[in-house]
Protein backbone atom coordinates (compact mmCIF):
# COMPACT_ATOMS: atom_id res chain seq x y z
CA MET A 1 21.59 72.16 -9.13
CA VAL A 2 21.70 70.38 -5.81
CA PHE A 3 21.05 66.88 -7.15
CA GLU A 4 23.88 67.11 -9.67
CA ARG A 5 26.23 66.04 -6.84
CA LEU A 6 24.08 62.99 -5.97
CA PRO A 7 24.67 59.53 -7.44
CA PRO A 8 22.68 59.00 -10.66
CA VAL A 9 20.01 56.70 -9.14
CA CYS A 10 19.38 59.03 -6.18
CA ALA A 11 19.14 61.99 -8.53
CA ALA A 12 16.55 60.19 -10.62
CA VAL A 13 14.45 59.37 -7.58
CA LEU A 14 14.64 62.92 -6.29
CA PHE A 15 13.75 64.35 -9.69
CA ALA A 16 10.79 62.04 -9.96
CA ALA A 17 9.56 63.04 -6.52
CA ILE A 18 9.77 66.69 -7.43
CA SER A 19 8.19 66.34 -10.84
CA GLY A 20 5.48 63.87 -9.80
CA LEU A 21 6.65 61.28 -12.38
CA PRO A 22 6.98 57.58 -11.42
CA SER A 23 10.54 56.74 -10.43
CA PHE A 24 12.68 53.80 -11.65
CA ALA A 25 12.53 52.35 -8.16
CA GLN A 26 8.74 52.52 -8.14
CA LYS A 27 8.50 50.78 -11.51
CA ALA A 28 10.89 47.98 -10.46
CA ALA A 29 9.12 47.13 -7.18
CA PRO A 30 7.62 43.62 -7.51
CA SER A 31 3.95 43.02 -6.86
CA ARG A 32 3.15 41.38 -3.50
CA GLU A 33 2.50 37.60 -3.60
CA PRO A 34 -0.99 36.71 -2.37
CA SER A 35 -1.00 34.94 1.00
CA VAL A 36 -1.78 31.28 1.53
CA GLN A 37 -4.94 32.27 3.39
CA GLN A 38 -6.03 34.36 0.42
CA ALA A 39 -5.45 31.45 -1.94
CA ILE A 40 -7.43 29.11 0.32
CA GLY A 41 -10.27 31.63 0.22
CA TRP A 42 -10.11 31.70 -3.56
CA VAL A 43 -10.56 27.93 -3.62
CA GLU A 44 -13.72 28.27 -1.54
CA SER A 45 -15.12 30.63 -4.18
CA GLY A 46 -14.10 28.38 -7.07
CA ARG A 47 -11.11 30.40 -8.26
CA CYS A 48 -8.80 27.39 -8.61
CA SER A 49 -6.95 28.66 -11.67
CA GLU A 50 -5.68 31.58 -9.56
CA ALA A 51 -5.27 29.73 -6.26
CA LEU A 52 -3.43 26.59 -7.35
CA PRO A 53 -0.20 28.26 -8.60
CA VAL A 54 0.00 30.35 -5.41
CA LEU A 55 -0.54 27.34 -3.16
CA LYS A 56 2.00 25.21 -5.03
CA ARG A 57 4.64 27.95 -4.67
CA SER A 58 3.82 28.73 -1.06
CA LEU A 59 3.36 25.27 0.50
CA PRO A 60 7.09 24.52 1.01
CA ARG A 61 7.37 27.64 3.18
CA VAL A 62 4.30 27.00 5.36
CA LEU A 63 5.31 25.96 8.90
CA ASP A 64 2.03 26.16 10.80
CA LYS A 65 0.51 22.66 10.77
CA GLN A 66 -3.11 23.78 10.62
CA VAL A 67 -2.48 26.25 7.81
CA LYS A 68 -0.49 23.62 5.92
CA TYR A 69 -3.30 21.08 6.37
CA HIS A 70 -5.92 23.43 4.97
CA ALA A 71 -3.61 24.54 2.17
CA GLU A 72 -2.91 20.95 1.14
CA MET A 73 -6.61 20.13 1.23
CA ALA A 74 -7.21 23.15 -1.01
CA VAL A 75 -4.49 21.96 -3.40
CA VAL A 76 -6.11 18.52 -3.60
CA ARG A 77 -9.51 20.04 -4.27
CA CYS A 78 -8.20 22.26 -7.06
CA ALA A 79 -5.91 19.62 -8.57
CA MET A 80 -8.83 17.20 -8.75
CA ALA A 81 -11.00 19.89 -10.33
CA VAL A 82 -8.47 20.62 -13.09
CA ASP A 83 -7.44 16.95 -13.55
CA ASP A 84 -3.86 17.47 -12.37
CA GLU A 85 -3.43 13.86 -11.25
CA GLU A 86 0.24 14.19 -10.32
CA ILE A 87 -0.25 17.10 -7.90
CA ALA A 88 -3.45 15.62 -6.44
CA THR A 89 -1.77 12.26 -5.82
CA GLN A 90 1.42 13.70 -4.34
CA THR A 91 -0.49 16.03 -2.02
CA LEU A 92 -2.87 13.30 -0.87
CA LEU A 93 0.10 11.07 -0.05
CA HIS A 94 1.63 13.92 1.98
CA LEU A 95 -1.66 14.40 3.82
CA LYS A 96 -1.92 10.67 4.57
CA ARG A 97 1.63 10.73 5.92
CA ASP A 98 1.12 13.83 8.08
CA SER A 99 -2.50 13.08 9.12
CA PRO A 100 -2.76 9.27 8.86
CA ASN A 101 -6.00 8.94 10.84
CA ASP A 102 -7.82 12.02 9.63
CA PRO A 103 -11.31 10.91 8.47
CA GLU A 104 -11.63 13.61 5.81
CA VAL A 105 -8.23 12.78 4.31
CA LEU A 106 -9.08 9.07 4.23
CA TYR A 107 -12.49 9.79 2.72
CA ILE A 108 -11.07 11.93 -0.07
CA ALA A 109 -8.22 9.47 -0.70
CA THR A 110 -10.67 6.57 -0.97
CA HIS A 111 -12.81 8.32 -3.54
CA TYR A 112 -9.95 9.86 -5.52
CA PHE A 113 -7.81 6.74 -5.80
CA SER A 114 -10.92 4.76 -6.69
CA GLU A 115 -11.62 7.29 -9.41
CA LEU A 116 -8.04 7.01 -10.67
CA GLY A 117 -8.38 3.24 -10.79
CA MET A 118 -11.60 3.53 -12.75
CA ARG A 119 -10.02 5.94 -15.20
CA ALA A 120 -7.01 3.67 -15.69
CA SER A 121 -9.23 0.66 -16.34
CA GLN A 122 -11.21 2.65 -18.92
CA GLU A 123 -7.97 3.76 -20.57
CA LEU A 124 -6.76 0.15 -20.67
CA GLU A 125 -10.02 -1.00 -22.20
CA ALA A 126 -9.84 1.74 -24.83
CA ALA A 127 -6.14 1.31 -25.62
CA ALA A 128 -5.83 -2.50 -25.59
CA PRO A 129 -9.24 -4.18 -25.25
CA ASN A 130 -7.91 -7.56 -26.43
CA SER A 131 -4.82 -7.62 -24.22
CA PHE A 132 -4.53 -10.23 -21.48
CA GLN A 133 -4.24 -7.38 -18.99
CA ALA A 134 -7.68 -6.08 -19.97
CA GLN A 135 -9.10 -9.59 -19.82
CA LYS A 136 -7.49 -10.22 -16.43
CA LEU A 137 -8.99 -7.01 -15.08
CA GLN A 138 -12.42 -8.14 -16.23
CA ALA A 139 -11.95 -11.56 -14.63
CA GLU A 140 -10.86 -9.98 -11.34
CA SER A 141 -14.00 -7.87 -11.43
CA PHE A 142 -16.10 -11.02 -11.78
CA GLU A 143 -14.21 -12.59 -8.86
CA SER A 144 -14.93 -9.60 -6.65
CA GLN A 145 -18.63 -10.09 -7.42
CA GLY A 146 -18.47 -13.79 -6.56
CA LYS A 147 -18.93 -14.81 -10.20
CA ASN A 148 -16.16 -17.39 -10.14
CA ASP A 149 -17.32 -19.42 -13.14
CA GLU A 150 -17.27 -16.34 -15.38
CA ALA A 151 -13.86 -15.36 -14.02
CA ALA A 152 -12.45 -18.86 -14.52
CA ALA A 153 -13.64 -18.90 -18.15
CA ILE A 154 -11.73 -15.69 -18.86
CA TYR A 155 -8.61 -16.89 -17.03
CA SER A 156 -8.69 -20.13 -19.05
CA LYS A 157 -8.96 -18.14 -22.28
CA ILE A 158 -5.95 -16.06 -21.28
CA LEU A 159 -3.94 -19.24 -20.73
CA ALA A 160 -5.11 -20.69 -24.03
CA ASP A 161 -3.77 -17.62 -25.83
CA ASN A 162 -0.75 -16.98 -23.57
CA PRO A 163 0.20 -20.14 -21.61
CA LYS A 164 3.16 -18.48 -19.89
CA THR A 165 1.22 -15.55 -18.43
CA PRO A 166 2.19 -15.28 -14.73
CA GLY A 167 -0.46 -15.06 -12.04
CA ILE A 168 -3.29 -16.74 -13.96
CA HIS A 169 -2.89 -20.28 -12.62
CA TYR A 170 -2.68 -18.72 -9.15
CA ARG A 171 -6.06 -17.03 -9.63
CA LEU A 172 -7.55 -20.29 -10.92
CA GLY A 173 -6.12 -22.06 -7.88
CA GLN A 174 -7.85 -19.60 -5.57
CA ILE A 175 -11.13 -20.19 -7.39
CA GLU A 176 -10.70 -23.96 -7.00
CA LEU A 177 -10.07 -23.51 -3.27
CA ALA A 178 -13.27 -21.48 -3.00
CA LYS A 179 -15.16 -24.23 -4.82
CA ALA A 180 -13.73 -26.92 -2.54
CA GLY A 181 -15.06 -25.16 0.55
CA ALA A 182 -15.49 -27.50 3.49
CA SER A 183 -15.21 -30.63 1.33
CA GLY A 184 -11.44 -30.48 1.46
CA ALA A 185 -11.09 -31.64 -2.17
CA THR A 186 -8.09 -29.51 -3.07
CA ASP A 187 -6.40 -31.61 -5.76
CA ASP A 188 -7.50 -29.31 -8.59
CA ALA A 189 -6.34 -26.26 -6.65
CA LYS A 190 -2.99 -27.88 -5.93
CA ARG A 191 -2.46 -28.58 -9.64
CA GLU A 192 -3.11 -24.93 -10.46
CA PHE A 193 -0.61 -23.68 -7.87
CA GLU A 194 1.99 -26.15 -9.11
CA ALA A 195 1.34 -24.94 -12.65
CA GLU A 196 1.81 -21.36 -11.44
CA ILE A 197 5.22 -22.21 -10.01
CA ALA A 198 6.18 -23.86 -13.30
CA VAL A 199 5.41 -20.53 -15.02
CA ASP A 200 6.72 -18.28 -12.23
CA PRO A 201 9.07 -20.05 -9.78
CA LEU A 202 9.43 -16.80 -7.81
CA ASN A 203 5.76 -16.59 -6.83
CA ALA A 204 6.02 -16.66 -3.02
CA SER A 205 2.25 -16.74 -2.58
CA ALA A 206 1.89 -19.91 -4.65
CA HIS A 207 4.62 -21.61 -2.60
CA PHE A 208 2.87 -20.53 0.59
CA VAL A 209 -0.49 -21.98 -0.46
CA LEU A 210 1.16 -25.26 -1.44
CA GLY A 211 2.79 -25.28 1.98
CA GLU A 212 -0.57 -24.69 3.62
CA LEU A 213 -2.16 -27.53 1.65
CA ALA A 214 0.67 -29.82 2.73
CA ARG A 215 0.30 -28.69 6.34
CA ARG A 216 -3.41 -29.54 6.30
CA ALA A 217 -2.47 -32.99 5.01
CA ASN A 218 0.12 -33.39 7.81
CA ASP A 219 2.87 -33.61 5.19
CA TRP A 220 5.36 -31.72 7.32
CA ASP A 221 8.42 -32.17 5.10
CA GLU A 222 6.59 -30.75 2.09
CA ALA A 223 5.10 -27.96 4.19
CA VAL A 224 8.51 -26.98 5.54
CA LYS A 225 9.98 -26.96 2.04
CA GLU A 226 7.26 -24.73 0.60
CA PHE A 227 7.09 -22.33 3.55
CA SER A 228 10.88 -22.01 3.55
CA ARG A 229 10.81 -21.17 -0.14
CA ALA A 230 8.08 -18.55 0.37
CA ALA A 231 10.05 -16.88 3.18
CA LYS A 232 13.25 -16.79 1.11
CA LEU A 233 11.49 -15.34 -1.92
CA ASP A 234 9.75 -12.64 0.14
CA VAL A 235 11.64 -11.74 3.30
CA GLY A 236 8.76 -9.53 4.44
CA PHE A 237 6.24 -12.37 4.20
CA SER A 238 5.63 -12.66 7.94
CA GLU A 239 3.01 -15.42 7.78
CA ALA A 240 5.46 -17.68 5.98
CA TYR A 241 7.77 -17.54 9.01
CA LEU A 242 4.93 -18.38 11.38
CA ALA A 243 3.73 -21.27 9.23
CA LEU A 244 7.29 -22.56 8.86
CA GLY A 245 7.86 -22.46 12.61
CA MET A 246 4.54 -24.19 13.31
CA SER A 247 5.30 -26.91 10.75
CA LEU A 248 8.75 -27.54 12.17
CA ALA A 249 7.32 -27.73 15.68
CA ALA A 250 4.56 -30.07 14.54
CA SER A 251 7.19 -32.41 13.11
CA GLY A 252 9.06 -32.36 16.42
CA LYS A 253 11.87 -30.06 15.26
CA PHE A 254 11.42 -27.52 18.05
CA ALA A 255 14.98 -26.22 18.01
CA GLU A 256 14.73 -25.47 14.28
CA ALA A 257 11.34 -23.83 14.80
CA ILE A 258 12.76 -21.14 17.10
CA SER A 259 14.51 -19.05 14.43
CA PRO A 260 11.54 -18.53 12.05
CA LEU A 261 9.22 -17.93 15.02
CA GLN A 262 11.63 -15.32 16.40
CA SER A 263 11.57 -13.64 12.98
CA TYR A 264 7.79 -13.65 13.04
CA VAL A 265 7.40 -12.05 16.47
CA LYS A 266 9.85 -9.33 15.47
CA MET A 267 7.72 -8.52 12.43
CA GLU A 268 4.35 -8.99 14.16
CA PRO A 269 4.90 -8.27 17.88
CA GLY A 270 1.19 -7.66 18.47
CA ASP A 271 0.06 -11.10 17.30
CA PRO A 272 -0.50 -13.55 20.19
CA ALA A 273 -0.06 -16.54 17.86
CA GLY A 274 3.64 -15.95 17.33
CA HIS A 275 4.40 -15.57 21.04
CA TYR A 276 2.33 -18.66 21.84
CA GLN A 277 4.09 -20.83 19.28
CA LEU A 278 7.51 -19.52 20.27
CA ALA A 279 6.75 -20.22 23.94
CA ILE A 280 5.99 -23.83 23.05
CA ALA A 281 9.26 -24.14 21.10
CA TYR A 282 11.26 -22.63 23.98
CA SER A 283 9.54 -24.90 26.48
CA ARG A 284 10.21 -28.05 24.47
CA THR A 285 13.90 -27.14 24.15
CA GLY A 286 14.31 -26.47 27.87
CA ASP A 287 14.38 -22.68 27.77
CA LYS A 288 11.98 -22.02 30.64
CA ASP A 289 12.79 -18.32 30.91
CA GLY A 290 12.18 -17.80 27.20
CA ALA A 291 8.91 -19.71 27.42
CA ALA A 292 7.73 -17.65 30.39
CA ARG A 293 8.66 -14.41 28.65
CA GLU A 294 6.77 -15.33 25.47
CA LEU A 295 3.72 -16.50 27.40
CA ALA A 296 3.63 -13.14 29.16
CA LEU A 297 3.87 -11.38 25.81
CA GLN A 298 1.18 -13.67 24.41
CA THR A 299 -1.16 -12.75 27.28
CA GLN A 300 -0.43 -9.07 26.80
CA ALA A 301 -1.06 -9.27 23.05
CA ALA A 302 -4.22 -11.35 23.49
CA SER A 303 -5.69 -8.76 25.86
CA ALA A 304 -5.17 -6.13 23.18
CA HIS A 305 -6.56 -8.39 20.42
CA PRO A 306 -9.05 -10.73 22.13
CA ALA A 307 -10.47 -12.10 18.86
CA THR A 308 -7.12 -13.43 17.63
CA ASP A 309 -6.70 -17.20 17.60
CA THR A 310 -3.31 -18.24 18.91
CA ALA A 311 -2.88 -21.16 16.56
CA GLU A 312 -4.82 -20.44 13.39
CA GLY A 313 -6.48 -17.54 11.60
CA HIS A 314 -3.65 -16.67 9.23
CA SER A 315 -4.56 -16.35 5.59
CA ALA A 316 -2.37 -16.72 2.55
CA HIS A 317 -0.21 -13.81 1.57
CA PRO A 318 -2.00 -11.71 -1.10
C-alpha cells in the first residue's frame, strides 16, 4: 500500500482521512482560549465564574491600554462578587497606578476599601472583642463623630488595663488639644504627649506636637530640640523640617535654619511657606542671590496655591 512507505504519524493521518475516523492530530489539538473581549462580555452578563479565570490568565499579555483598562475593571467586578479580596485589591492598586485620576476607579476604590475596612473591624470584634485593639477602634470611631468624652473614657480604660500601650496617650493628647480650643490651656495635652514619649520614645508625631507647643510659648530651645528629634525619627516628615527652620530663625540662628529649610523645599517645592522662610534665612545671612531666587519661587508657588499662608497653616504630622 502507498502509505506503508510514509512515516507512522503521516500514515495514521492519511488512513484517518480515508476512513473518516478522527485522527490523532485532530484529537490532540487544544481548544481555543476565549478572548479577553469575550470574557469582558461574560462579566456583563454575570458569568464571572467563567470570565475571571480567563481574564486572570490573559491580562499579562494585553498591550492595548483601553482593553487592559476594561479587562481590569471586569476583574475587579468579578473578584468583588466572589469575595476574592487578594485579586480585587491587587487589580485596584494596578488601576490606581495606571489611571490615577480616573473617577470610576477612585469611586470603586473608595467603596471597596471602605468595605474591606468594615469587614476587618467586624472580624476584629468577633475574634477579640476585649482586646485593646478592638477598644481603640471603637474609641477612634467616637472621635470621628466628635464624641471626645466617650473616646477618652475608652482610651483611659485601655491605659488602666495596659499602661504601656503605644499611641493611647497621643490620642488623649489630641483630645485635650481639642478641648483647649482658643483658650490656649495646653498643660493637660502636654502631659499626655510627654507620657506618650515615655511609652514610645520613637513617636515622631508626639515630639512634633511638643515642639509646636514650645514654639507657641516662644520656648525656642525646646522647640528646636523636639522638632529636631521628630525629623531624625521620621526623615520623610517634611513639616518637622519647616518647623525646625522657622524655630531656628525665630531664635536668631539664621545660618542653622538654612539646612532644614532647604530640606523642606526639596520635599515640598510647591509650598510657598518653605521658599518664604528660606528667603528670609538667606537674606539675614547675606545671600542676596539665594533670597531673590527663593522669593521668586515663593511668588510662583503662591500663584499656584493662593490660599496657602506663607508662615502658618501646617498641621501636626498624622
